PDB file of N, CA and C in Angstrom:
ATOM      1  N   MET A   1       0.627  25.565 -25.163  1.00  0.00           N
ATOM      2  CA  MET A   1       0.251  25.138 -23.545  1.00  0.00           C
ATOM      3  C   MET A   1       1.457  24.644 -22.720  1.00  0.00           C
ATOM      4  N   ARG A   2       2.491  24.817 -23.245  1.00  0.00           N
ATOM      5  CA  ARG A   2       3.689  24.605 -22.194  1.00  0.00           C
ATOM      6  C   ARG A   2       3.784  25.275 -21.266  1.00  0.00           C
ATOM      7  N   SER A   3       3.242  26.465 -21.362  1.00  0.00           N
ATOM      8  CA  SER A   3       3.037  27.354 -20.165  1.00  0.00           C
ATOM      9  C   SER A   3       2.158  26.950 -19.191  1.00  0.00           C
ATOM     10  N   LEU A   4       1.004  26.165 -19.606  1.00  0.00           N
ATOM     11  CA  LEU A   4       0.343  25.819 -18.866  1.00  0.00           C
ATOM     12  C   LEU A   4       0.547  24.342 -17.917  1.00  0.00           C
ATOM     13  N   PHE A   5       1.606  23.571 -18.735  1.00  0.00           N
ATOM     14  CA  PHE A   5       2.290  22.569 -18.068  1.00  0.00           C
ATOM     15  C   PHE A   5       3.304  22.922 -17.260  1.00  0.00           C
ATOM     16  N   SER A   6       4.037  23.910 -17.308  1.00  0.00           N
ATOM     17  CA  SER A   6       4.712  24.222 -16.345  1.00  0.00           C
ATOM     18  C   SER A   6       4.400  25.450 -15.360  1.00  0.00           C
ATOM     19  N   THR A   7       3.500  25.932 -15.541  1.00  0.00           N
ATOM     20  CA  THR A   7       2.625  26.328 -14.193  1.00  0.00           C
ATOM     21  C   THR A   7       2.199  25.315 -13.697  1.00  0.00           C
ATOM     22  N   ALA A   8       1.259  24.238 -13.996  1.00  0.00           N
ATOM     23  CA  ALA A   8       0.964  23.304 -12.896  1.00  0.00           C
ATOM     24  C   ALA A   8       1.668  22.407 -12.363  1.00  0.00           C
ATOM     25  N   MET A   9       2.992  22.041 -12.989  1.00  0.00           N
ATOM     26  CA  MET A   9       4.212  21.552 -12.672  1.00  0.00           C
ATOM     27  C   MET A   9       5.096  22.176 -11.380  1.00  0.00           C
ATOM     28  N   ALA A  10       4.773  23.532 -11.464  1.00  0.00           N
ATOM     29  CA  ALA A  10       5.284  24.399 -10.213  1.00  0.00           C
ATOM     30  C   ALA A  10       4.528  24.459  -9.479  1.00  0.00           C
ATOM     31  N   MET A  11       3.275  24.215  -9.895  1.00  0.00           N
ATOM     32  CA  MET A  11       2.362  24.155  -8.591  1.00  0.00           C
ATOM     33  C   MET A  11       2.334  23.220  -7.824  1.00  0.00           C
ATOM     34  N   LEU A  12       2.508  21.880  -8.486  1.00  0.00           N
ATOM     35  CA  LEU A  12       3.021  20.903  -7.440  1.00  0.00           C
ATOM     36  C   LEU A  12       3.979  20.685  -6.728  1.00  0.00           C
ATOM     37  N   VAL A  13       5.258  21.317  -7.403  1.00  0.00           N
ATOM     38  CA  VAL A  13       6.366  21.467  -6.730  1.00  0.00           C
ATOM     39  C   VAL A  13       6.180  22.166  -5.520  1.00  0.00           C
ATOM     40  N   ALA A  14       5.646  23.348  -5.612  1.00  0.00           N
ATOM     41  CA  ALA A  14       5.571  24.313  -4.338  1.00  0.00           C
ATOM     42  C   ALA A  14       4.527  23.801  -3.376  1.00  0.00           C
ATOM     43  N   ALA A  15       3.835  22.737  -3.948  1.00  0.00           N
ATOM     44  CA  ALA A  15       2.912  22.463  -2.968  1.00  0.00           C
ATOM     45  C   ALA A  15       2.983  20.795  -2.666  1.00  0.00           C
ATOM     46  N   ALA A  16       4.434  20.671  -2.034  1.00  0.00           N
ATOM     47  CA  ALA A  16       4.702  19.413  -1.768  1.00  0.00           C
ATOM     48  C   ALA A  16       4.479  19.192  -0.064  1.00  0.00           C
ATOM     49  N   ALA A  17       3.804  17.949   0.789  1.00  0.00           N
ATOM     50  CA  ALA A  17       3.036  17.659   2.017  1.00  0.00           C
ATOM     51  C   ALA A  17       3.585  16.719   2.935  1.00  0.00           C
ATOM     52  N   VAL A  18       2.836  15.933   5.676  1.00  0.00           N
ATOM     53  CA  VAL A  18       2.770  14.527   6.257  1.00  0.00           C
ATOM     54  C   VAL A  18       2.186  14.270   7.548  1.00  0.00           C
ATOM     55  N   SER A  19       1.069  13.415   7.489  1.00  0.00           N
ATOM     56  CA  SER A  19       0.227  13.004   8.595  1.00  0.00           C
ATOM     57  C   SER A  19      -1.368  12.350   7.924  1.00  0.00           C
ATOM     58  N   PRO A  20      -2.182  11.642   9.095  1.00  0.00           N
ATOM     59  CA  PRO A  20      -3.234  11.137   8.694  1.00  0.00           C
ATOM     60  C   PRO A  20      -4.298  11.947   7.848  1.00  0.00           C
ATOM     61  N   VAL A  21      -5.104  11.844   6.938  1.00  0.00           N
ATOM     62  CA  VAL A  21      -5.950  13.093   6.259  1.00  0.00           C
ATOM     63  C   VAL A  21      -7.310  12.690   6.722  1.00  0.00           C
ATOM     64  N   HIS A  22      -8.102  13.857   6.818  1.00  0.00           N
ATOM     65  CA  HIS A  22      -9.547  13.587   7.333  1.00  0.00           C
ATOM     66  C   HIS A  22     -10.229  14.375   6.344  1.00  0.00           C
ATOM     67  N   ALA A  23     -11.558  13.868   6.117  1.00  0.00           N
ATOM     68  CA  ALA A  23     -12.459  14.316   4.892  1.00  0.00           C
ATOM     69  C   ALA A  23     -12.682  15.862   5.353  1.00  0.00           C
ATOM     70  N   ALA A  24     -12.627  16.287   6.720  1.00  0.00           N
ATOM     71  CA  ALA A  24     -12.878  17.484   7.456  1.00  0.00           C
ATOM     72  C   ALA A  24     -11.699  18.328   6.960  1.00  0.00           C
ATOM     73  N   ASP A  25     -10.766  18.349   6.325  1.00  0.00           N
ATOM     74  CA  ASP A  25      -9.479  18.755   6.487  1.00  0.00           C
ATOM     75  C   ASP A  25      -9.642  19.814   5.335  1.00  0.00           C
ATOM     76  N   ALA A  26      -9.756  21.042   5.790  1.00  0.00           N
ATOM     77  CA  ALA A  26      -9.505  22.402   5.346  1.00  0.00           C
ATOM     78  C   ALA A  26      -8.810  21.943   3.881  1.00  0.00           C
ATOM     79  N   LEU A  27      -7.421  21.379   3.471  1.00  0.00           N
ATOM     80  CA  LEU A  27      -6.723  21.422   2.654  1.00  0.00           C
ATOM     81  C   LEU A  27      -7.245  20.558   1.732  1.00  0.00           C
ATOM     82  N   VAL A  28      -8.454  19.542   1.801  1.00  0.00           N
ATOM     83  CA  VAL A  28      -9.179  18.677   0.927  1.00  0.00           C
ATOM     84  C   VAL A  28      -9.755  19.746  -0.284  1.00  0.00           C
ATOM     85  N   GLY A  29      -9.278  19.631  -1.331  1.00  0.00           N
ATOM     86  CA  GLY A  29     -10.258  20.193  -2.286  1.00  0.00           C
ATOM     87  C   GLY A  29      -8.978  20.648  -3.507  1.00  0.00           C
ATOM     88  N   GLU A  30      -9.567  21.647  -4.491  1.00  0.00           N
ATOM     89  CA  GLU A  30      -9.020  21.951  -5.824  1.00  0.00           C
ATOM     90  C   GLU A  30      -8.266  23.393  -5.482  1.00  0.00           C
ATOM     91  N   TRP A  31      -7.120  23.687  -5.794  1.00  0.00           N
ATOM     92  CA  TRP A  31      -6.415  24.947  -5.615  1.00  0.00           C
ATOM     93  C   TRP A  31      -5.948  25.396  -7.119  1.00  0.00           C
ATOM     94  N   ALA A  32      -5.485  26.459  -7.067  1.00  0.00           N
ATOM     95  CA  ALA A  32      -5.092  27.116  -8.271  1.00  0.00           C
ATOM     96  C   ALA A  32      -4.207  28.370  -7.857  1.00  0.00           C
ATOM     97  N   LEU A  33      -3.060  28.885  -8.971  1.00  0.00           N
ATOM     98  CA  LEU A  33      -2.343  29.993  -8.216  1.00  0.00           C
ATOM     99  C   LEU A  33      -3.242  31.454  -8.313  1.00  0.00           C
ATOM    100  N   ASP A  34      -4.533  31.121  -9.337  1.00  0.00           N
ATOM    101  CA  ASP A  34      -5.056  32.525  -8.764  1.00  0.00           C
ATOM    102  C   ASP A  34      -6.242  31.961  -9.547  1.00  0.00           C
ATOM    103  N   ALA A  35      -7.586  32.695  -9.433  1.00  0.00           N
ATOM    104  CA  ALA A  35      -8.873  32.376 -10.104  1.00  0.00           C
ATOM    105  C   ALA A  35      -9.317  32.038 -11.390  1.00  0.00           C
ATOM    106  N   SER A  36      -8.806  32.932 -11.777  1.00  0.00           N
ATOM    107  CA  SER A  36      -8.205  32.883 -13.710  1.00  0.00           C
ATOM    108  C   SER A  36      -7.803  31.532 -13.718  1.00  0.00           C
ATOM    109  N   GLN A  37      -6.994  31.041 -13.344  1.00  0.00           N
ATOM    110  CA  GLN A  37      -6.537  29.629 -13.583  1.00  0.00           C
ATOM    111  C   GLN A  37      -7.373  28.350 -13.260  1.00  0.00           C
ATOM    112  N   CYS A  38      -8.058  28.515 -12.143  1.00  0.00           N
ATOM    113  CA  CYS A  38      -8.892  27.396 -12.157  1.00  0.00           C
ATOM    114  C   CYS A  38      -9.738  26.525 -13.468  1.00  0.00           C
ATOM    115  N   ALA A  39      -9.639  27.627 -14.337  1.00  0.00           N
ATOM    116  CA  ALA A  39     -10.400  26.988 -15.630  1.00  0.00           C
ATOM    117  C   ALA A  39      -9.398  26.091 -16.021  1.00  0.00           C
ATOM    118  N   THR A  40      -7.859  26.199 -16.361  1.00  0.00           N
ATOM    119  CA  THR A  40      -7.015  25.585 -16.874  1.00  0.00           C
ATOM    120  C   THR A  40      -6.043  24.419 -15.879  1.00  0.00           C
ATOM    121  N   THR A  41      -5.814  24.596 -14.871  1.00  0.00           N
ATOM    122  CA  THR A  41      -4.815  24.032 -13.836  1.00  0.00           C
ATOM    123  C   THR A  41      -5.338  23.953 -12.588  1.00  0.00           C
ATOM    124  N   ARG A  42      -4.906  22.785 -12.057  1.00  0.00           N
ATOM    125  CA  ARG A  42      -5.479  22.673 -10.609  1.00  0.00           C
ATOM    126  C   ARG A  42      -4.430  21.810  -9.798  1.00  0.00           C
ATOM    127  N   ILE A  43      -4.398  22.049  -8.603  1.00  0.00           N
ATOM    128  CA  ILE A  43      -3.713  21.026  -7.797  1.00  0.00           C
ATOM    129  C   ILE A  43      -4.668  20.277  -6.787  1.00  0.00           C
ATOM    130  N   VAL A  44      -5.190  18.848  -6.857  1.00  0.00           N
ATOM    131  CA  VAL A  44      -6.077  18.449  -5.885  1.00  0.00           C
ATOM    132  C   VAL A  44      -5.192  17.947  -4.774  1.00  0.00           C
ATOM    133  N   TYR A  45      -6.050  17.926  -3.475  1.00  0.00           N
ATOM    134  CA  TYR A  45      -5.997  17.231  -2.406  1.00  0.00           C
ATOM    135  C   TYR A  45      -7.190  16.622  -1.888  1.00  0.00           C
ATOM    136  N   THR A  46      -6.806  15.021  -2.001  1.00  0.00           N
ATOM    137  CA  THR A  46      -8.223  14.438  -1.976  1.00  0.00           C
ATOM    138  C   THR A  46      -8.062  13.764  -0.367  1.00  0.00           C
ATOM    139  N   ALA A  47      -9.451  13.793   0.059  1.00  0.00           N
ATOM    140  CA  ALA A  47      -9.534  13.205   1.392  1.00  0.00           C
ATOM    141  C   ALA A  47      -8.891  11.933   1.994  1.00  0.00           C
ATOM    142  N   ASP A  48      -8.044  11.137   0.856  1.00  0.00           N
ATOM    143  CA  ASP A  48      -7.569   9.823   1.112  1.00  0.00           C
ATOM    144  C   ASP A  48      -6.274  10.041   1.001  1.00  0.00           C
ATOM    145  N   GLY A  49      -5.746  11.190   1.069  1.00  0.00           N
ATOM    146  CA  GLY A  49      -4.341  11.426   1.022  1.00  0.00           C
ATOM    147  C   GLY A  49      -3.484  11.595  -0.232  1.00  0.00           C
ATOM    148  N   ARG A  50      -4.230  11.709  -1.078  1.00  0.00           N
ATOM    149  CA  ARG A  50      -3.348  11.727  -2.553  1.00  0.00           C
ATOM    150  C   ARG A  50      -3.375  13.226  -2.871  1.00  0.00           C
ATOM    151  N   ASN A  51      -2.789  13.677  -3.832  1.00  0.00           N
ATOM    152  CA  ASN A  51      -2.900  14.735  -4.560  1.00  0.00           C
ATOM    153  C   ASN A  51      -2.332  14.695  -5.903  1.00  0.00           C
ATOM    154  N   GLU A  52      -2.849  15.535  -6.694  1.00  0.00           N
ATOM    155  CA  GLU A  52      -2.880  15.349  -8.176  1.00  0.00           C
ATOM    156  C   GLU A  52      -2.719  16.793  -8.850  1.00  0.00           C
ATOM    157  N   ALA A  53      -2.176  16.754 -10.161  1.00  0.00           N
ATOM    158  CA  ALA A  53      -2.129  18.264 -10.921  1.00  0.00           C
ATOM    159  C   ALA A  53      -2.480  17.623 -12.398  1.00  0.00           C
ATOM    160  N   TRP A  54      -3.817  18.570 -12.430  1.00  0.00           N
ATOM    161  CA  TRP A  54      -4.522  18.446 -13.570  1.00  0.00           C
ATOM    162  C   TRP A  54      -4.719  19.585 -14.606  1.00  0.00           C
ATOM    163  N   LEU A  55      -4.708  19.367 -15.801  1.00  0.00           N
ATOM    164  CA  LEU A  55      -4.269  20.388 -16.787  1.00  0.00           C
ATOM    165  C   LEU A  55      -5.784  20.166 -18.070  1.00  0.00           C
ATOM    166  N   ASN A  56      -6.282  21.659 -18.365  1.00  0.00           N
ATOM    167  CA  ASN A  56      -7.569  21.545 -19.042  1.00  0.00           C
ATOM    168  C   ASN A  56      -7.058  21.803 -20.479  1.00  0.00           C
ATOM    169  N   ASP A  57      -7.137  21.230 -21.091  1.00  0.00           N
ATOM    170  CA  ASP A  57      -6.707  21.538 -22.721  1.00  0.00           C
ATOM    171  C   ASP A  57      -7.998  21.164 -23.515  1.00  0.00           C
ATOM    172  N   GLY A  58      -8.997  21.462 -23.728  1.00  0.00           N
ATOM    173  CA  GLY A  58     -10.043  20.832 -24.110  1.00  0.00           C
ATOM    174  C   GLY A  58     -10.754  19.788 -23.389  1.00  0.00           C
ATOM    175  N   GLY A  59     -10.631  19.382 -22.356  1.00  0.00           N
ATOM    176  CA  GLY A  59     -10.390  18.217 -21.372  1.00  0.00           C
ATOM    177  C   GLY A  59      -9.745  18.211 -20.179  1.00  0.00           C
ATOM    178  N   TRP A  60     -10.015  17.903 -19.375  1.00  0.00           N
ATOM    179  CA  TRP A  60      -9.246  17.557 -17.951  1.00  0.00           C
ATOM    180  C   TRP A  60      -8.571  16.555 -18.370  1.00  0.00           C
ATOM    181  N   SER A  61      -6.988  16.637 -17.906  1.00  0.00           N
ATOM    182  CA  SER A  61      -6.033  15.414 -18.037  1.00  0.00           C
ATOM    183  C   SER A  61      -5.146  15.400 -16.584  1.00  0.00           C
ATOM    184  N   LYS A  62      -5.089  14.236 -16.094  1.00  0.00           N
ATOM    185  CA  LYS A  62      -4.101  14.402 -15.200  1.00  0.00           C
ATOM    186  C   LYS A  62      -2.733  14.086 -15.383  1.00  0.00           C
ATOM    187  N   LEU A  63      -2.236  15.421 -14.806  1.00  0.00           N
ATOM    188  CA  LEU A  63      -0.564  15.190 -15.364  1.00  0.00           C
ATOM    189  C   LEU A  63       0.558  14.576 -14.260  1.00  0.00           C
ATOM    190  N   SER A  64      -0.123  14.252 -12.861  1.00  0.00           N
ATOM    191  CA  SER A  64       1.022  13.845 -12.032  1.00  0.00           C
ATOM    192  C   SER A  64       0.010  13.344 -10.750  1.00  0.00           C
ATOM    193  N   SER A  65       0.455  12.452  -9.899  1.00  0.00           N
ATOM    194  CA  SER A  65      -0.373  12.435  -8.956  1.00  0.00           C
ATOM    195  C   SER A  65       0.519  11.572  -7.855  1.00  0.00           C
ATOM    196  N   GLY A  66       0.448  12.042  -6.639  1.00  0.00           N
ATOM    197  CA  GLY A  66       1.488  11.438  -5.517  1.00  0.00           C
ATOM    198  C   GLY A  66       0.659  11.282  -4.353  1.00  0.00           C
ATOM    199  N   SER A  67       1.104  11.399  -3.108  1.00  0.00           N
ATOM    200  CA  SER A  67       0.622  11.345  -1.895  1.00  0.00           C
ATOM    201  C   SER A  67       0.751  12.362  -0.890  1.00  0.00           C
ATOM    202  N   TYR A  68       0.330  12.697   0.124  1.00  0.00           N
ATOM    203  CA  TYR A  68       0.542  13.522   0.787  1.00  0.00           C
ATOM    204  C   TYR A  68       0.462  13.377   2.579  1.00  0.00           C
ATOM    205  N   THR A  69       0.959  14.021   3.120  1.00  0.00           N
ATOM    206  CA  THR A  69       0.318  14.039   4.777  1.00  0.00           C
ATOM    207  C   THR A  69       0.409  15.458   5.048  1.00  0.00           C
ATOM    208  N   HIS A  70      -0.543  15.500   6.093  1.00  0.00           N
ATOM    209  CA  HIS A  70      -1.005  16.747   6.460  1.00  0.00           C
ATOM    210  C   HIS A  70      -1.072  16.982   8.228  1.00  0.00           C
ATOM    211  N   ASN A  71      -0.159  17.528   8.949  1.00  0.00           N
ATOM    212  CA  ASN A  71      -0.252  17.459  10.499  1.00  0.00           C
ATOM    213  C   ASN A  71       0.211  18.797  10.935  1.00  0.00           C
ATOM    214  N   GLY A  72      -1.043  19.750  11.399  1.00  0.00           N
ATOM    215  CA  GLY A  72      -0.920  21.025  11.457  1.00  0.00           C
ATOM    216  C   GLY A  72      -0.455  21.822  10.897  1.00  0.00           C
ATOM    217  N   ALA A  73       0.612  22.394  10.918  1.00  0.00           N
ATOM    218  CA  ALA A  73       1.325  23.497  10.114  1.00  0.00           C
ATOM    219  C   ALA A  73       2.134  22.899   8.692  1.00  0.00           C
ATOM    220  N   GLU A  74       2.714  21.494   9.219  1.00  0.00           N
ATOM    221  CA  GLU A  74       3.376  20.853   8.396  1.00  0.00           C
ATOM    222  C   GLU A  74       2.542  19.939   7.256  1.00  0.00           C
ATOM    223  N   LEU A  75       3.027  20.007   5.991  1.00  0.00           N
ATOM    224  CA  LEU A  75       2.750  19.448   5.167  1.00  0.00           C
ATOM    225  C   LEU A  75       3.698  18.622   4.306  1.00  0.00           C
ATOM    226  N   ALA A  76       3.474  17.448   4.160  1.00  0.00           N
ATOM    227  CA  ALA A  76       4.528  16.719   3.299  1.00  0.00           C
ATOM    228  C   ALA A  76       4.245  16.197   1.904  1.00  0.00           C
ATOM    229  N   VAL A  77       4.522  16.614   0.379  1.00  0.00           N
ATOM    230  CA  VAL A  77       3.937  15.831  -0.471  1.00  0.00           C
ATOM    231  C   VAL A  77       4.664  15.192  -1.333  1.00  0.00           C
ATOM    232  N   GLU A  78       4.810  13.882  -1.654  1.00  0.00           N
ATOM    233  CA  GLU A  78       5.426  13.061  -2.750  1.00  0.00           C
ATOM    234  C   GLU A  78       4.741  12.627  -3.459  1.00  0.00           C
ATOM    235  N   ALA A  79       5.583  13.181  -4.844  1.00  0.00           N
ATOM    236  CA  ALA A  79       5.104  12.636  -6.448  1.00  0.00           C
ATOM    237  C   ALA A  79       6.471  12.665  -7.425  1.00  0.00           C
ATOM    238  N   ASN A  80       6.102  11.679  -8.369  1.00  0.00           N
ATOM    239  CA  ASN A  80       6.962  11.571  -9.037  1.00  0.00           C
ATOM    240  C   ASN A  80       8.593  11.433  -8.283  1.00  0.00           C
ATOM    241  N   GLY A  81       8.760  10.388  -7.526  1.00  0.00           N
ATOM    242  CA  GLY A  81       9.813  10.518  -6.643  1.00  0.00           C
ATOM    243  C   GLY A  81      10.473  11.475  -6.133  1.00  0.00           C
ATOM    244  N   GLN A  82       9.801  12.361  -5.996  1.00  0.00           N
ATOM    245  CA  GLN A  82      10.243  13.744  -5.176  1.00  0.00           C
ATOM    246  C   GLN A  82       9.309  13.876  -3.827  1.00  0.00           C
ATOM    247  N   ARG A  83      10.013  14.228  -2.651  1.00  0.00           N
ATOM    248  CA  ARG A  83       9.239  14.553  -1.704  1.00  0.00           C
ATOM    249  C   ARG A  83       9.910  16.186  -1.361  1.00  0.00           C
ATOM    250  N   ASP A  84       8.656  16.988  -0.682  1.00  0.00           N
ATOM    251  CA  ASP A  84       8.915  18.296  -0.387  1.00  0.00           C
ATOM    252  C   ASP A  84       8.317  18.336   0.978  1.00  0.00           C
ATOM    253  N   GLN A  85       8.717  18.931   1.833  1.00  0.00           N
ATOM    254  CA  GLN A  85       8.537  19.253   3.078  1.00  0.00           C
ATOM    255  C   GLN A  85       7.815  20.622   3.158  1.00  0.00           C
ATOM    256  N   LEU A  86       6.847  20.852   3.419  1.00  0.00           N
ATOM    257  CA  LEU A  86       6.341  22.607   3.225  1.00  0.00           C
ATOM    258  C   LEU A  86       5.705  22.859   4.758  1.00  0.00           C
ATOM    259  N   HIS A  87       5.748  24.136   4.653  1.00  0.00           N
ATOM    260  CA  HIS A  87       5.094  24.750   6.109  1.00  0.00           C
ATOM    261  C   HIS A  87       3.713  25.528   5.526  1.00  0.00           C
ATOM    262  N   ILE A  88       2.536  25.287   6.204  1.00  0.00           N
ATOM    263  CA  ILE A  88       1.375  26.284   5.573  1.00  0.00           C
ATOM    264  C   ILE A  88       1.622  27.391   6.456  1.00  0.00           C
ATOM    265  N   VAL A  89       1.545  28.258   5.711  1.00  0.00           N
ATOM    266  CA  VAL A  89       1.650  29.753   6.281  1.00  0.00           C
ATOM    267  C   VAL A  89      -0.067  30.200   6.720  1.00  0.00           C
ATOM    268  N   ARG A  90      -0.479  30.185   5.789  1.00  0.00           N
ATOM    269  CA  ARG A  90      -2.075  30.388   5.785  1.00  0.00           C
ATOM    270  C   ARG A  90      -2.953  29.098   5.144  1.00  0.00           C
ATOM    271  N   LEU A  91      -4.440  28.700   5.767  1.00  0.00           N
ATOM    272  CA  LEU A  91      -5.356  27.694   5.360  1.00  0.00           C
ATOM    273  C   LEU A  91      -6.339  28.279   5.811  1.00  0.00           C
ATOM    274  N   ASP A  92      -7.339  28.794   5.297  1.00  0.00           N
ATOM    275  CA  ASP A  92      -8.498  28.920   5.100  1.00  0.00           C
ATOM    276  C   ASP A  92      -9.287  28.516   4.107  1.00  0.00           C
ATOM    277  N   ASN A  93     -10.531  28.856   4.121  1.00  0.00           N
ATOM    278  CA  ASN A  93     -11.570  28.315   3.226  1.00  0.00           C
ATOM    279  C   ASN A  93     -11.217  28.341   1.768  1.00  0.00           C
ATOM    280  N   ASN A  94     -10.660  29.571   1.447  1.00  0.00           N
ATOM    281  CA  ASN A  94     -10.122  30.174   0.006  1.00  0.00           C
ATOM    282  C   ASN A  94      -8.854  30.035  -0.162  1.00  0.00           C
ATOM    283  N   VAL A  95      -7.985  30.377   0.973  1.00  0.00           N
ATOM    284  CA  VAL A  95      -6.451  30.505   0.312  1.00  0.00           C
ATOM    285  C   VAL A  95      -5.727  29.468   0.874  1.00  0.00           C
ATOM    286  N   LEU A  96      -4.711  29.181   0.430  1.00  0.00           N
ATOM    287  CA  LEU A  96      -3.688  28.210   0.907  1.00  0.00           C
ATOM    288  C   LEU A  96      -2.359  28.771   0.408  1.00  0.00           C
ATOM    289  N   GLU A  97      -1.347  29.137   1.617  1.00  0.00           N
ATOM    290  CA  GLU A  97      -0.259  29.801   1.525  1.00  0.00           C
ATOM    291  C   GLU A  97       0.613  28.857   1.922  1.00  0.00           C
ATOM    292  N   LEU A  98       1.930  28.594   1.022  1.00  0.00           N
ATOM    293  CA  LEU A  98       2.981  27.681   1.639  1.00  0.00           C
ATOM    294  C   LEU A  98       4.226  28.337   1.475  1.00  0.00           C
ATOM    295  N   ARG A  99       4.885  27.232   1.976  1.00  0.00           N
ATOM    296  CA  ARG A  99       6.607  27.666   2.370  1.00  0.00           C
ATOM    297  C   ARG A  99       7.136  26.324   2.063  1.00  0.00           C
ATOM    298  N   ASN A 100       8.060  26.427   1.057  1.00  0.00           N
ATOM    299  CA  ASN A 100       9.069  25.430   1.254  1.00  0.00           C
ATOM    300  C   ASN A 100      10.122  25.148   2.085  1.00  0.00           C
ATOM    301  N   ALA A 101      10.391  23.805   3.095  1.00  0.00           N
ATOM    302  CA  ALA A 101      11.662  23.948   3.681  1.00  0.00           C
ATOM    303  C   ALA A 101      12.595  24.000   2.948  1.00  0.00           C
ATOM    304  N   ASP A 102      12.637  23.763   1.896  1.00  0.00           N
ATOM    305  CA  ASP A 102      13.651  23.692   1.131  1.00  0.00           C
ATOM    306  C   ASP A 102      14.307  25.052   0.698  1.00  0.00           C
ATOM    307  N   LYS A 103      14.974  25.780   1.061  1.00  0.00           N
ATOM    308  CA  LYS A 103      14.999  27.534   0.549  1.00  0.00           C
ATOM    309  C   LYS A 103      15.602  27.530  -0.940  1.00  0.00           C
ATOM    310  N   ALA A 104      16.306  26.129  -1.479  1.00  0.00           N
ATOM    311  CA  ALA A 104      16.793  26.275  -2.607  1.00  0.00           C
ATOM    312  C   ALA A 104      15.420  26.241  -3.651  1.00  0.00           C
ATOM    313  N   ARG A 105      14.698  25.639  -3.282  1.00  0.00           N
ATOM    314  CA  ARG A 105      13.433  25.196  -4.069  1.00  0.00           C
ATOM    315  C   ARG A 105      12.717  26.748  -4.207  1.00  0.00           C
ATOM    316  N   MET A 106      12.222  27.295  -2.846  1.00  0.00           N
ATOM    317  CA  MET A 106      11.774  28.783  -2.950  1.00  0.00           C
ATOM    318  C   MET A 106      12.624  29.689  -3.815  1.00  0.00           C
ATOM    319  N   ASP A 107      13.650  29.230  -3.760  1.00  0.00           N
ATOM    320  CA  ASP A 107      15.030  30.335  -4.392  1.00  0.00           C
ATOM    321  C   ASP A 107      14.639  30.423  -6.359  1.00  0.00           C
ATOM    322  N   GLN A 108      14.284  29.158  -6.526  1.00  0.00           N
ATOM    323  CA  GLN A 108      13.861  28.588  -8.244  1.00  0.00           C
ATOM    324  C   GLN A 108      12.628  29.409  -8.484  1.00  0.00           C
ATOM    325  N   ILE A 109      11.562  29.582  -7.442  1.00  0.00           N
ATOM    326  CA  ILE A 109      10.657  30.042  -8.431  1.00  0.00           C
ATOM    327  C   ILE A 109      10.403  31.820  -7.869  1.00  0.00           C
ATOM    328  N   GLY A 110      11.529  32.517  -7.125  1.00  0.00           N
ATOM    329  CA  GLY A 110      11.858  33.820  -6.853  1.00  0.00           C
ATOM    330  C   GLY A 110      10.841  34.220  -5.789  1.00  0.00           C
ATOM    331  N   ARG A 111      10.612  33.494  -4.877  1.00  0.00           N
ATOM    332  CA  ARG A 111       9.611  34.170  -3.746  1.00  0.00           C
ATOM    333  C   ARG A 111       9.792  33.087  -2.350  1.00  0.00           C
ATOM    334  N   GLU A 112       9.495  34.152  -1.228  1.00  0.00           N
ATOM    335  CA  GLU A 112       9.395  33.132  -0.186  1.00  0.00           C
ATOM    336  C   GLU A 112       8.470  32.353  -0.018  1.00  0.00           C
ATOM    337  N   THR A 113       6.895  32.484  -0.242  1.00  0.00           N
ATOM    338  CA  THR A 113       5.945  31.851  -0.253  1.00  0.00           C
ATOM    339  C   THR A 113       4.757  31.618  -1.495  1.00  0.00           C
ATOM    340  N   VAL A 114       4.161  30.690  -1.697  1.00  0.00           N
ATOM    341  CA  VAL A 114       3.174  30.494  -2.885  1.00  0.00           C
ATOM    342  C   VAL A 114       1.907  30.528  -2.504  1.00  0.00           C
ATOM    343  N   SER A 115       1.063  31.292  -2.700  1.00  0.00           N
ATOM    344  CA  SER A 115      -0.511  31.199  -2.493  1.00  0.00           C
ATOM    345  C   SER A 115      -1.431  30.682  -3.322  1.00  0.00           C
ATOM    346  N   PHE A 116      -2.138  30.104  -3.095  1.00  0.00           N
ATOM    347  CA  PHE A 116      -3.478  29.261  -3.808  1.00  0.00           C
ATOM    348  C   PHE A 116      -4.679  29.791  -3.529  1.00  0.00           C
ATOM    349  N   VAL A 117      -5.834  29.831  -4.586  1.00  0.00           N
ATOM    350  CA  VAL A 117      -7.107  30.107  -4.320  1.00  0.00           C
ATOM    351  C   VAL A 117      -7.782  29.011  -4.401  1.00  0.00           C
ATOM    352  N   ARG A 118      -8.771  28.590  -3.653  1.00  0.00           N
ATOM    353  CA  ARG A 118      -9.689  27.578  -3.791  1.00  0.00           C
ATOM    354  C   ARG A 118     -10.395  27.648  -5.174  1.00  0.00           C
ATOM    355  N   CYS A 119     -10.466  26.661  -6.009  1.00  0.00           N
ATOM    356  CA  CYS A 119     -11.373  26.629  -7.240  1.00  0.00           C
ATOM    357  C   CYS A 119     -12.736  25.836  -6.558  1.00  0.00           C
ATOM    358  N   PRO A 120     -13.729  26.361  -7.595  1.00  0.00           N
ATOM    359  CA  PRO A 120     -15.215  25.677  -7.545  1.00  0.00           C
ATOM    360  C   PRO A 120     -14.917  24.231  -8.194  1.00  0.00           C
ATOM    361  N   SER A 121     -15.758  23.374  -7.742  1.00  0.00           N
ATOM    362  CA  SER A 121     -15.754  21.908  -8.445  1.00  0.00           C
ATOM    363  C   SER A 121     -15.838  22.018  -9.547  1.00  0.00           C
ATOM    364  N   ARG A 122     -15.099  20.871 -10.065  1.00  0.00           N
ATOM    365  CA  ARG A 122     -15.344  20.993 -11.541  1.00  0.00           C
ATOM    366  C   ARG A 122     -16.620  20.046 -12.041  1.00  0.00           C
TER     367      ARG A 122
END
């Protein structure tokens, strides 16, 4: 299960976000690195500006939670005392692609952007 936890935490770190949130915001929903991971790990953005990392290990457990703001292509995420500034490269109904403003963070994960797919509701 360590790899699932590591994946969920990497997703949360990659998805760090700044601005008022609205229920109609395309960001609101549940996301995973790919469709096959929707069953086990998810990053959630809520309409009230919360973000959460969830893991399913026989039942859904919240691993982490924080807040976010979203203003145009800028996203700021704060969780576990850490704040990340992200740039939204792509956001549509099914794909969220992010670039962290901190190049060192992107170097840690070994790519320039991180893409997520929208998961169906639990």
